[in-house]
Amino acid sequence: MAEKETLVIASKVKAFIKDASELKVSAAVIDVLSDKVRSLCEEAIKNAKADGRKTVQEKDFK
């Protein structure tokens, strides 16, 4: 199986967490966040298709 693409910007996530908490971020966190984003997007795609649309909208992220 092909490697999954990263869907979040690692430097932005790391900077946000460091600025908010002074904590560091392990590399695995980026993979977990990408998986969560992927899952949210897949659900939004299903919702848009169920409504007969070809555009994913904010309301599809329920």
N, C-alpha and C. Protein backbone atom coordinates (compact mmCIF):
# COMPACT_ATOMS: atom_id res chain seq x y z
N MET A 1 0.85 -1.19 0.00
CA MET A 1 0.00 0.00 0.00
C MET A 1 0.89 1.24 0.00
N ALA A 2 0.49 2.24 -0.76
CA ALA A 2 1.26 3.48 -0.86
C ALA A 2 1.20 4.26 0.45
N GLU A 3 2.26 5.01 0.68
CA GLU A 3 2.32 5.85 1.88
C GLU A 3 1.27 6.97 1.77
N LYS A 4 0.60 7.23 2.89
CA LYS A 4 -0.42 8.28 2.91
C LYS A 4 0.24 9.65 2.89
N GLU A 5 -0.38 10.55 2.15
CA GLU A 5 0.13 11.91 2.04
C GLU A 5 -0.18 12.71 3.31
N THR A 6 0.75 13.56 3.72
CA THR A 6 0.54 14.44 4.86
C THR A 6 -0.41 15.56 4.45
N LEU A 7 -1.46 15.77 5.24
CA LEU A 7 -2.48 16.76 4.91
C LEU A 7 -2.43 18.01 5.78
N VAL A 8 -1.47 18.07 6.68
CA VAL A 8 -1.32 19.25 7.53
C VAL A 8 0.10 19.78 7.38
N ILE A 9 0.26 21.05 7.65
CA ILE A 9 1.58 21.67 7.55
C ILE A 9 2.28 21.50 8.90
N ALA A 10 3.27 20.62 8.90
CA ALA A 10 3.95 20.24 10.13
C ALA A 10 4.53 21.44 10.87
N SER A 11 5.17 22.35 10.16
CA SER A 11 5.80 23.50 10.82
C SER A 11 4.76 24.38 11.50
N LYS A 12 3.59 24.53 10.90
CA LYS A 12 2.52 25.35 11.50
C LYS A 12 1.97 24.68 12.74
N VAL A 13 1.76 23.37 12.69
CA VAL A 13 1.25 22.64 13.84
C VAL A 13 2.25 22.72 14.99
N LYS A 14 3.50 22.47 14.68
CA LYS A 14 4.55 22.51 15.71
C LYS A 14 4.65 23.89 16.34
N ALA A 15 4.60 24.93 15.52
CA ALA A 15 4.69 26.30 16.02
C ALA A 15 3.49 26.63 16.90
N PHE A 16 2.31 26.21 16.48
CA PHE A 16 1.11 26.47 17.27
C PHE A 16 1.20 25.81 18.65
N ILE A 17 1.59 24.54 18.68
CA ILE A 17 1.68 23.83 19.95
C ILE A 17 2.77 24.43 20.83
N LYS A 18 3.90 24.76 20.25
CA LYS A 18 4.99 25.36 21.03
C LYS A 18 4.58 26.71 21.59
N ASP A 19 3.94 27.54 20.77
CA ASP A 19 3.51 28.87 21.22
C ASP A 19 2.43 28.77 22.30
N ALA A 20 1.57 27.79 22.18
CA ALA A 20 0.46 27.64 23.12
C ALA A 20 0.87 26.97 24.42
N SER A 21 1.97 26.18 24.37
CA SER A 21 2.24 25.36 25.55
C SER A 21 3.71 25.17 25.90
N GLU A 22 4.61 25.62 25.02
CA GLU A 22 6.04 25.39 25.20
C GLU A 22 6.40 23.90 25.11
N LEU A 23 5.50 23.09 24.55
CA LEU A 23 5.76 21.66 24.37
C LEU A 23 6.28 21.39 22.97
N LYS A 24 7.03 20.30 22.83
CA LYS A 24 7.50 19.87 21.52
C LYS A 24 6.49 18.89 20.94
N VAL A 25 6.64 18.59 19.66
CA VAL A 25 5.70 17.72 18.95
C VAL A 25 6.47 16.57 18.32
N SER A 26 6.01 15.35 18.58
CA SER A 26 6.64 14.19 17.95
C SER A 26 6.17 14.09 16.50
N ALA A 27 6.96 13.44 15.67
CA ALA A 27 6.63 13.28 14.25
C ALA A 27 5.31 12.53 14.07
N ALA A 28 5.01 11.61 14.97
CA ALA A 28 3.80 10.81 14.86
C ALA A 28 2.54 11.66 14.98
N VAL A 29 2.62 12.80 15.65
CA VAL A 29 1.46 13.68 15.80
C VAL A 29 0.98 14.16 14.44
N ILE A 30 1.88 14.47 13.55
CA ILE A 30 1.53 14.96 12.22
C ILE A 30 0.76 13.88 11.45
N ASP A 31 1.19 12.63 11.58
CA ASP A 31 0.49 11.52 10.92
C ASP A 31 -0.91 11.34 11.49
N VAL A 32 -1.03 11.43 12.81
CA VAL A 32 -2.34 11.28 13.46
C VAL A 32 -3.28 12.40 13.01
N LEU A 33 -2.79 13.62 12.99
CA LEU A 33 -3.63 14.75 12.55
C LEU A 33 -4.03 14.60 11.09
N SER A 34 -3.11 14.16 10.25
CA SER A 34 -3.44 13.94 8.84
C SER A 34 -4.52 12.88 8.70
N ASP A 35 -4.43 11.82 9.49
CA ASP A 35 -5.47 10.77 9.46
C ASP A 35 -6.82 11.33 9.88
N LYS A 36 -6.83 12.19 10.89
CA LYS A 36 -8.09 12.79 11.35
C LYS A 36 -8.67 13.72 10.28
N VAL A 37 -7.83 14.51 9.66
CA VAL A 37 -8.29 15.40 8.59
C VAL A 37 -8.83 14.57 7.43
N ARG A 38 -8.12 13.51 7.07
CA ARG A 38 -8.55 12.62 5.99
C ARG A 38 -9.93 12.04 6.29
N SER A 39 -10.13 11.58 7.51
CA SER A 39 -11.40 11.00 7.93
C SER A 39 -12.53 12.04 7.87
N LEU A 40 -12.26 13.24 8.35
CA LEU A 40 -13.25 14.32 8.29
C LEU A 40 -13.62 14.65 6.85
N CYS A 41 -12.63 14.69 5.98
CA CYS A 41 -12.88 14.99 4.57
C CYS A 41 -13.69 13.88 3.90
N GLU A 42 -13.36 12.64 4.21
CA GLU A 42 -14.12 11.52 3.64
C GLU A 42 -15.58 11.57 4.04
N GLU A 43 -15.85 11.91 5.28
CA GLU A 43 -17.23 12.03 5.76
C GLU A 43 -17.93 13.21 5.07
N ALA A 44 -17.24 14.32 4.92
CA ALA A 44 -17.81 15.48 4.25
C ALA A 44 -18.14 15.17 2.79
N ILE A 45 -17.28 14.41 2.14
CA ILE A 45 -17.53 13.99 0.75
C ILE A 45 -18.81 13.17 0.66
N LYS A 46 -18.96 12.23 1.58
CA LYS A 46 -20.18 11.41 1.62
C LYS A 46 -21.42 12.28 1.81
N ASN A 47 -21.33 13.26 2.70
CA ASN A 47 -22.47 14.14 2.96
C ASN A 47 -22.83 14.98 1.73
N ALA A 48 -21.82 15.50 1.04
CA ALA A 48 -22.09 16.29 -0.16
C ALA A 48 -22.73 15.43 -1.25
N LYS A 49 -22.21 14.23 -1.44
CA LYS A 49 -22.78 13.33 -2.45
C LYS A 49 -24.20 12.93 -2.09
N ALA A 50 -24.46 12.70 -0.81
CA ALA A 50 -25.80 12.33 -0.36
C ALA A 50 -26.81 13.45 -0.63
N ASP A 51 -26.32 14.69 -0.61
CA ASP A 51 -27.18 15.85 -0.90
C ASP A 51 -27.23 16.15 -2.40
N GLY A 52 -26.56 15.34 -3.20
CA GLY A 52 -26.58 15.52 -4.65
C GLY A 52 -25.73 16.67 -5.15
N ARG A 53 -24.75 17.09 -4.38
CA ARG A 53 -23.88 18.20 -4.77
C ARG A 53 -22.53 17.71 -5.25
N LYS A 54 -21.87 18.54 -6.03
CA LYS A 54 -20.52 18.26 -6.50
C LYS A 54 -19.50 19.13 -5.79
N THR A 55 -19.95 19.86 -4.78
CA THR A 55 -19.08 20.75 -4.01
C THR A 55 -19.21 20.42 -2.53
N VAL A 56 -18.07 20.21 -1.87
CA VAL A 56 -18.07 20.02 -0.43
C VAL A 56 -18.16 21.40 0.21
N GLN A 57 -19.10 21.55 1.13
CA GLN A 57 -19.30 22.82 1.82
C GLN A 57 -19.08 22.64 3.32
N GLU A 58 -18.98 23.78 4.00
CA GLU A 58 -18.71 23.72 5.46
C GLU A 58 -19.76 22.93 6.19
N LYS A 59 -20.99 22.95 5.72
CA LYS A 59 -22.06 22.21 6.40
C LYS A 59 -21.89 20.70 6.29
N ASP A 60 -21.02 20.24 5.40
CA ASP A 60 -20.76 18.81 5.25
C ASP A 60 -19.86 18.27 6.35
N PHE A 61 -19.19 19.16 7.05
CA PHE A 61 -18.35 18.76 8.18
C PHE A 61 -19.19 18.81 9.44
N LYS A 62 -19.90 17.73 9.70
CA LYS A 62 -20.83 17.67 10.83
C LYS A 62 -20.19 17.05 12.03
